[in-house]
């Protein structure tokens, strides 16, 4: 497997301190595997577009593991982290959302849409056994 991006390529778009992450290889590896699937799905996507797609996917996987700290309190000992309530999977981070936009084949969008969603059904008393 040949990756398209380097750690510095990914760090260039992540807007928070990545010093705690000493090795981006696992994030780049999974991003590369997924990008290879996109490339196989649509052979007309350019190498430059695949590189950007892999970069944004790697950043997504970093953000999933280490969400950005958005606020901190000293005496109350509370912290808040960046979360996205618009979805799970690739939709859970702004990097994943950008990757979906970069994938003109629609492959990532189909993965995001087919993700299983939890649901709850209320049973009316008249429907109860």
N, C-alpha and C. Protein backbone atom coordinates (compact mmCIF):
# COMPACT_ATOMS: atom_id res chain seq x y z
N UNK A 1 0.85 -1.18 0.00
CA UNK A 1 0.00 0.00 0.00
C UNK A 1 0.89 1.24 0.00
N UNK A 2 0.52 2.18 -0.81
CA UNK A 2 1.29 3.42 -0.90
C UNK A 2 0.40 4.58 -0.45
N UNK A 3 0.88 5.31 0.56
CA UNK A 3 0.11 6.46 1.04
C UNK A 3 0.44 7.68 0.20
N UNK A 4 -0.49 8.61 0.16
CA UNK A 4 -0.35 9.80 -0.65
C UNK A 4 0.13 11.02 0.14
N UNK A 5 -0.10 11.01 1.45
CA UNK A 5 0.19 12.19 2.27
C UNK A 5 1.22 11.87 3.35
N UNK A 6 1.83 12.91 3.84
CA UNK A 6 2.79 12.79 4.95
C UNK A 6 2.15 13.34 6.22
N UNK A 7 2.81 13.10 7.33
CA UNK A 7 2.31 13.63 8.60
C UNK A 7 2.24 15.15 8.55
N UNK A 8 3.22 15.80 7.94
CA UNK A 8 3.19 17.27 7.88
C UNK A 8 2.05 17.78 7.00
N UNK A 9 1.66 17.01 5.97
CA UNK A 9 0.49 17.38 5.15
C UNK A 9 -0.77 17.41 6.01
N UNK A 10 -0.93 16.43 6.87
CA UNK A 10 -2.11 16.34 7.73
C UNK A 10 -2.05 17.42 8.80
N UNK A 11 -0.89 17.60 9.41
CA UNK A 11 -0.75 18.61 10.45
C UNK A 11 -1.04 20.02 9.92
N UNK A 12 -0.84 20.24 8.64
CA UNK A 12 -1.07 21.56 8.05
C UNK A 12 -2.53 21.98 8.09
N UNK A 13 -3.46 21.03 8.16
CA UNK A 13 -4.88 21.41 8.17
C UNK A 13 -5.54 21.23 9.53
N UNK A 14 -4.86 20.57 10.45
CA UNK A 14 -5.43 20.40 11.79
C UNK A 14 -5.16 21.68 12.56
N UNK A 15 -6.21 22.28 13.10
CA UNK A 15 -6.06 23.60 13.73
C UNK A 15 -5.87 23.56 15.23
N UNK A 16 -5.28 22.51 15.73
CA UNK A 16 -4.96 22.46 17.15
C UNK A 16 -3.64 21.73 17.34
N UNK A 17 -3.13 21.81 18.52
CA UNK A 17 -1.82 21.25 18.83
C UNK A 17 -1.82 19.74 18.67
N UNK A 18 -0.97 19.27 17.79
CA UNK A 18 -0.86 17.82 17.58
C UNK A 18 0.37 17.26 18.28
N UNK A 19 0.96 18.01 19.18
CA UNK A 19 2.15 17.55 19.89
C UNK A 19 1.90 16.26 20.68
N UNK A 20 0.67 16.08 21.15
CA UNK A 20 0.34 14.88 21.93
C UNK A 20 0.29 13.64 21.04
N UNK A 21 0.16 13.86 19.75
CA UNK A 21 0.11 12.75 18.81
C UNK A 21 1.50 12.63 18.18
N UNK A 22 2.24 11.63 18.61
CA UNK A 22 3.61 11.52 18.14
C UNK A 22 3.72 10.78 16.81
N UNK A 23 2.71 10.02 16.44
CA UNK A 23 2.76 9.24 15.20
C UNK A 23 1.41 9.29 14.50
N UNK A 24 1.38 9.90 13.35
CA UNK A 24 0.13 9.99 12.58
C UNK A 24 -0.06 8.81 11.63
N UNK A 25 0.89 7.88 11.64
CA UNK A 25 0.85 6.75 10.71
C UNK A 25 -0.47 5.97 10.76
N UNK A 26 -1.01 5.62 11.92
CA UNK A 26 -2.27 4.85 11.92
C UNK A 26 -3.44 5.61 11.27
N UNK A 27 -3.46 6.93 11.45
CA UNK A 27 -4.54 7.74 10.89
C UNK A 27 -4.38 7.86 9.37
N UNK A 28 -3.16 8.01 8.92
CA UNK A 28 -2.88 8.09 7.49
C UNK A 28 -3.14 6.74 6.82
N UNK A 29 -2.80 5.67 7.50
CA UNK A 29 -3.01 4.33 6.94
C UNK A 29 -4.48 4.06 6.68
N UNK A 30 -5.33 4.32 7.66
CA UNK A 30 -6.76 4.05 7.47
C UNK A 30 -7.35 5.01 6.43
N UNK A 31 -6.87 6.24 6.42
CA UNK A 31 -7.33 7.20 5.40
C UNK A 31 -6.92 6.73 4.01
N UNK A 32 -5.74 6.18 3.89
CA UNK A 32 -5.26 5.69 2.60
C UNK A 32 -6.09 4.50 2.12
N UNK A 33 -6.41 3.60 3.03
CA UNK A 33 -7.24 2.45 2.67
C UNK A 33 -8.61 2.89 2.15
N UNK A 34 -9.19 3.85 2.83
CA UNK A 34 -10.50 4.35 2.41
C UNK A 34 -10.40 5.13 1.10
N UNK A 35 -9.34 5.88 0.93
CA UNK A 35 -9.12 6.62 -0.32
C UNK A 35 -8.92 5.65 -1.48
N UNK A 36 -8.24 4.54 -1.23
CA UNK A 36 -8.08 3.51 -2.27
C UNK A 36 -9.44 2.97 -2.72
N UNK A 37 -10.37 2.83 -1.77
CA UNK A 37 -11.73 2.38 -2.12
C UNK A 37 -12.43 3.40 -3.02
N UNK A 38 -12.25 4.68 -2.69
CA UNK A 38 -12.83 5.74 -3.52
C UNK A 38 -12.23 5.68 -4.92
N UNK A 39 -10.91 5.54 -5.00
CA UNK A 39 -10.23 5.49 -6.30
C UNK A 39 -10.71 4.30 -7.13
N UNK A 40 -10.93 3.16 -6.49
CA UNK A 40 -11.43 1.99 -7.20
C UNK A 40 -12.87 2.18 -7.65
N UNK A 41 -13.63 2.96 -6.89
CA UNK A 41 -15.03 3.22 -7.22
C UNK A 41 -15.18 4.17 -8.41
N UNK A 42 -14.23 5.09 -8.56
CA UNK A 42 -14.29 6.07 -9.66
C UNK A 42 -12.87 6.37 -10.13
N UNK A 43 -12.49 5.75 -11.23
CA UNK A 43 -11.12 5.89 -11.75
C UNK A 43 -10.86 7.26 -12.39
N UNK A 44 -11.89 8.08 -12.52
CA UNK A 44 -11.69 9.40 -13.13
C UNK A 44 -11.22 10.46 -12.13
N UNK A 45 -11.20 10.14 -10.85
CA UNK A 45 -10.76 11.11 -9.84
C UNK A 45 -9.25 11.28 -9.95
N UNK A 46 -8.82 12.52 -10.00
CA UNK A 46 -7.40 12.83 -10.20
C UNK A 46 -6.55 12.46 -8.99
N UNK A 47 -5.26 12.31 -9.23
CA UNK A 47 -4.32 12.01 -8.14
C UNK A 47 -4.29 13.14 -7.12
N UNK A 48 -4.38 14.37 -7.58
CA UNK A 48 -4.38 15.53 -6.67
C UNK A 48 -5.62 15.51 -5.79
N UNK A 49 -6.76 15.15 -6.35
CA UNK A 49 -7.99 15.09 -5.57
C UNK A 49 -7.92 13.94 -4.55
N UNK A 50 -7.35 12.82 -4.94
CA UNK A 50 -7.20 11.70 -4.01
C UNK A 50 -6.26 12.06 -2.87
N UNK A 51 -5.22 12.81 -3.16
CA UNK A 51 -4.29 13.25 -2.12
C UNK A 51 -5.02 14.11 -1.09
N UNK A 52 -5.80 15.07 -1.56
CA UNK A 52 -6.56 15.93 -0.63
C UNK A 52 -7.58 15.13 0.15
N UNK A 53 -8.21 14.21 -0.51
CA UNK A 53 -9.19 13.36 0.16
C UNK A 53 -8.52 12.57 1.28
N UNK A 54 -7.37 12.00 1.01
CA UNK A 54 -6.64 11.24 2.03
C UNK A 54 -6.21 12.14 3.18
N UNK A 55 -5.78 13.35 2.86
CA UNK A 55 -5.36 14.29 3.91
C UNK A 55 -6.52 14.61 4.85
N UNK A 56 -7.70 14.92 4.29
CA UNK A 56 -8.86 15.29 5.12
C UNK A 56 -9.40 14.09 5.89
N UNK A 57 -9.32 12.90 5.29
CA UNK A 57 -9.75 11.71 6.02
C UNK A 57 -8.82 11.42 7.19
N UNK A 58 -7.52 11.57 6.99
CA UNK A 58 -6.56 11.36 8.09
C UNK A 58 -6.84 12.35 9.22
N UNK A 59 -7.09 13.61 8.87
CA UNK A 59 -7.40 14.62 9.89
C UNK A 59 -8.69 14.25 10.62
N UNK A 60 -9.65 13.71 9.89
CA UNK A 60 -10.90 13.26 10.52
C UNK A 60 -10.62 12.20 11.59
N UNK A 61 -9.81 11.21 11.25
CA UNK A 61 -9.53 10.14 12.20
C UNK A 61 -8.75 10.65 13.41
N UNK A 62 -7.88 11.63 13.19
CA UNK A 62 -7.18 12.26 14.32
C UNK A 62 -8.20 12.95 15.23
N UNK A 63 -9.12 13.71 14.63
CA UNK A 63 -10.11 14.47 15.40
C UNK A 63 -11.08 13.56 16.14
N UNK A 64 -11.35 12.40 15.60
CA UNK A 64 -12.23 11.45 16.28
C UNK A 64 -11.54 10.93 17.54
N UNK A 65 -10.26 10.61 17.42
CA UNK A 65 -9.55 10.10 18.58
C UNK A 65 -9.21 11.17 19.59
N UNK A 66 -8.83 12.35 19.12
CA UNK A 66 -8.42 13.44 20.00
C UNK A 66 -9.20 14.71 19.66
N UNK A 67 -10.44 14.82 20.12
CA UNK A 67 -11.23 16.01 19.82
C UNK A 67 -10.57 17.28 20.36
N UNK A 68 -10.80 18.38 19.69
CA UNK A 68 -10.22 19.67 20.07
C UNK A 68 -10.85 20.18 21.37
N UNK A 69 -9.99 20.61 22.27
CA UNK A 69 -10.44 21.22 23.52
C UNK A 69 -10.95 22.63 23.20
N UNK A 70 -12.20 22.91 23.58
CA UNK A 70 -12.79 24.23 23.27
C UNK A 70 -12.88 25.14 24.48
N UNK A 71 -12.98 24.57 25.69
CA UNK A 71 -12.99 25.40 26.90
C UNK A 71 -12.51 24.59 28.08
N UNK A 72 -12.02 25.32 29.08
CA UNK A 72 -11.45 24.68 30.25
C UNK A 72 -11.72 25.55 31.47
N UNK A 73 -11.97 24.95 32.61
CA UNK A 73 -12.14 25.67 33.86
C UNK A 73 -11.11 25.17 34.85
N UNK A 74 -10.63 26.05 35.70
CA UNK A 74 -9.58 25.67 36.65
C UNK A 74 -10.16 25.07 37.93
N UNK A 75 -10.96 25.84 38.68
CA UNK A 75 -11.45 25.36 39.97
C UNK A 75 -12.59 24.36 39.83
N UNK A 76 -13.42 24.57 38.84
CA UNK A 76 -14.53 23.64 38.60
C UNK A 76 -14.09 22.36 37.93
N UNK A 77 -12.85 22.33 37.46
CA UNK A 77 -12.26 21.17 36.80
C UNK A 77 -13.13 20.61 35.68
N UNK A 78 -13.64 21.46 34.81
CA UNK A 78 -14.43 20.99 33.69
C UNK A 78 -13.74 21.33 32.38
N UNK A 79 -13.97 20.52 31.40
CA UNK A 79 -13.44 20.72 30.06
C UNK A 79 -14.54 20.47 29.05
N UNK A 80 -14.48 21.15 27.92
CA UNK A 80 -15.41 20.91 26.82
C UNK A 80 -14.60 20.63 25.57
N UNK A 81 -15.10 19.69 24.78
CA UNK A 81 -14.42 19.31 23.55
C UNK A 81 -15.33 19.52 22.36
N UNK A 82 -14.70 19.78 21.23
CA UNK A 82 -15.45 19.99 20.00
C UNK A 82 -16.16 18.70 19.61
N UNK A 83 -17.44 18.80 19.42
CA UNK A 83 -18.23 17.69 18.92
C UNK A 83 -19.18 18.23 17.88
N UNK A 84 -19.60 17.37 16.99
CA UNK A 84 -20.52 17.78 15.95
C UNK A 84 -21.77 16.94 16.10
N UNK A 85 -22.86 17.59 16.30
CA UNK A 85 -24.11 16.87 16.53
C UNK A 85 -24.85 16.57 15.23
N UNK A 86 -24.22 16.85 14.08
CA UNK A 86 -24.91 16.64 12.81
C UNK A 86 -24.83 15.21 12.30
N UNK A 87 -24.08 14.37 12.98
CA UNK A 87 -24.04 13.00 12.53
C UNK A 87 -22.94 12.19 13.17
N UNK A 88 -22.88 10.96 12.78
CA UNK A 88 -21.87 10.03 13.25
C UNK A 88 -20.93 9.74 12.08
N UNK A 89 -19.93 8.95 12.34
CA UNK A 89 -19.01 8.56 11.28
C UNK A 89 -18.31 9.77 10.68
N UNK A 90 -18.26 9.83 9.37
CA UNK A 90 -17.58 10.93 8.69
C UNK A 90 -18.24 12.29 8.94
N UNK A 91 -19.50 12.28 9.27
CA UNK A 91 -20.19 13.54 9.53
C UNK A 91 -19.91 14.09 10.93
N UNK A 92 -19.21 13.33 11.74
CA UNK A 92 -18.96 13.73 13.13
C UNK A 92 -17.90 14.82 13.26
N UNK A 93 -17.08 15.00 12.23
CA UNK A 93 -16.06 16.06 12.29
C UNK A 93 -16.14 16.92 11.04
N UNK A 94 -15.64 18.13 11.16
CA UNK A 94 -15.62 19.01 9.98
C UNK A 94 -14.65 18.47 8.93
N UNK A 95 -13.64 17.72 9.36
CA UNK A 95 -12.71 17.13 8.40
C UNK A 95 -13.39 16.02 7.60
N UNK A 96 -14.17 15.20 8.26
CA UNK A 96 -14.91 14.15 7.57
C UNK A 96 -15.95 14.72 6.63
N UNK A 97 -16.61 15.80 7.06
CA UNK A 97 -17.59 16.45 6.19
C UNK A 97 -16.91 17.00 4.94
N UNK A 98 -15.72 17.56 5.10
CA UNK A 98 -14.98 18.08 3.94
C UNK A 98 -14.57 16.94 3.02
N UNK A 99 -14.17 15.81 3.60
CA UNK A 99 -13.80 14.65 2.78
C UNK A 99 -14.99 14.19 1.94
N UNK A 100 -16.17 14.18 2.52
CA UNK A 100 -17.37 13.81 1.77
C UNK A 100 -17.55 14.76 0.58
N UNK A 101 -17.35 16.05 0.81
CA UNK A 101 -17.48 17.03 -0.28
C UNK A 101 -16.42 16.83 -1.36
N UNK A 102 -15.22 16.46 -0.96
CA UNK A 102 -14.13 16.27 -1.92
C UNK A 102 -14.32 15.02 -2.78
N UNK A 103 -15.08 14.06 -2.30
CA UNK A 103 -15.30 12.81 -3.02
C UNK A 103 -16.42 12.97 -4.03
N UNK A 104 -16.07 13.32 -5.25
CA UNK A 104 -17.08 13.54 -6.29
C UNK A 104 -17.72 12.24 -6.78
N UNK A 105 -17.16 11.09 -6.38
CA UNK A 105 -17.77 9.82 -6.78
C UNK A 105 -19.02 9.51 -5.96
N UNK A 106 -19.13 10.12 -4.78
CA UNK A 106 -20.27 9.86 -3.90
C UNK A 106 -20.08 8.64 -3.02
N UNK A 107 -18.93 7.98 -3.11
CA UNK A 107 -18.69 6.78 -2.32
C UNK A 107 -18.74 7.05 -0.82
N UNK A 108 -18.03 8.09 -0.38
CA UNK A 108 -18.02 8.40 1.06
C UNK A 108 -19.40 8.85 1.54
N UNK A 109 -20.10 9.57 0.70
CA UNK A 109 -21.45 10.00 1.06
C UNK A 109 -22.36 8.79 1.25
N UNK A 110 -22.21 7.79 0.39
CA UNK A 110 -23.05 6.59 0.52
C UNK A 110 -22.72 5.83 1.79
N UNK A 111 -21.43 5.83 2.17
CA UNK A 111 -21.05 5.18 3.43
C UNK A 111 -21.66 5.94 4.60
N UNK A 112 -21.58 7.26 4.54
CA UNK A 112 -22.11 8.09 5.62
C UNK A 112 -23.62 7.93 5.76
N UNK A 113 -24.31 7.83 4.66
CA UNK A 113 -25.76 7.70 4.68
C UNK A 113 -26.22 6.31 5.10
N UNK A 114 -25.40 5.31 4.80
CA UNK A 114 -25.82 3.95 5.11
C UNK A 114 -25.45 3.52 6.53
N UNK A 115 -24.76 4.40 7.24
CA UNK A 115 -24.41 4.08 8.63
C UNK A 115 -25.69 3.81 9.41
N UNK A 116 -25.67 2.78 10.19
CA UNK A 116 -26.86 2.43 10.96
C UNK A 116 -27.14 3.51 11.99
N UNK A 117 -28.37 3.89 12.06
CA UNK A 117 -28.80 4.91 13.00
C UNK A 117 -29.70 4.27 14.05
N UNK A 118 -29.51 4.69 15.27
CA UNK A 118 -30.36 4.18 16.35
C UNK A 118 -31.73 4.82 16.24
N UNK A 119 -32.73 4.07 16.58
CA UNK A 119 -34.08 4.62 16.58
C UNK A 119 -34.86 4.04 17.76
N UNK A 120 -35.89 4.75 18.12
CA UNK A 120 -36.73 4.31 19.22
C UNK A 120 -38.18 4.41 18.76
N UNK A 121 -38.96 3.42 19.11
CA UNK A 121 -40.37 3.43 18.74
C UNK A 121 -41.18 3.35 20.01
N UNK A 122 -42.10 4.26 20.14
CA UNK A 122 -42.99 4.25 21.29
C UNK A 122 -44.17 3.34 20.97
N UNK A 123 -44.52 2.53 21.92
CA UNK A 123 -45.68 1.65 21.76
C UNK A 123 -46.83 2.26 22.53
N UNK A 124 -47.88 2.54 21.80
CA UNK A 124 -49.07 3.10 22.44
C UNK A 124 -49.70 2.03 23.31
N UNK A 125 -50.36 2.44 24.41
CA UNK A 125 -50.98 1.44 25.33
C UNK A 125 -51.91 0.49 24.61
N UNK A 126 -52.62 0.96 23.60
CA UNK A 126 -53.55 0.06 22.90
C UNK A 126 -52.84 -0.97 22.05
N UNK A 127 -51.51 -0.72 21.74
CA UNK A 127 -50.73 -1.67 20.95
C UNK A 127 -49.96 -2.67 21.83
N UNK A 128 -49.93 -2.42 23.12
CA UNK A 128 -49.18 -3.28 24.04
C UNK A 128 -49.88 -4.63 24.18
N UNK A 129 -49.11 -5.70 24.40
CA UNK A 129 -49.71 -7.04 24.53
C UNK A 129 -50.56 -7.19 25.76
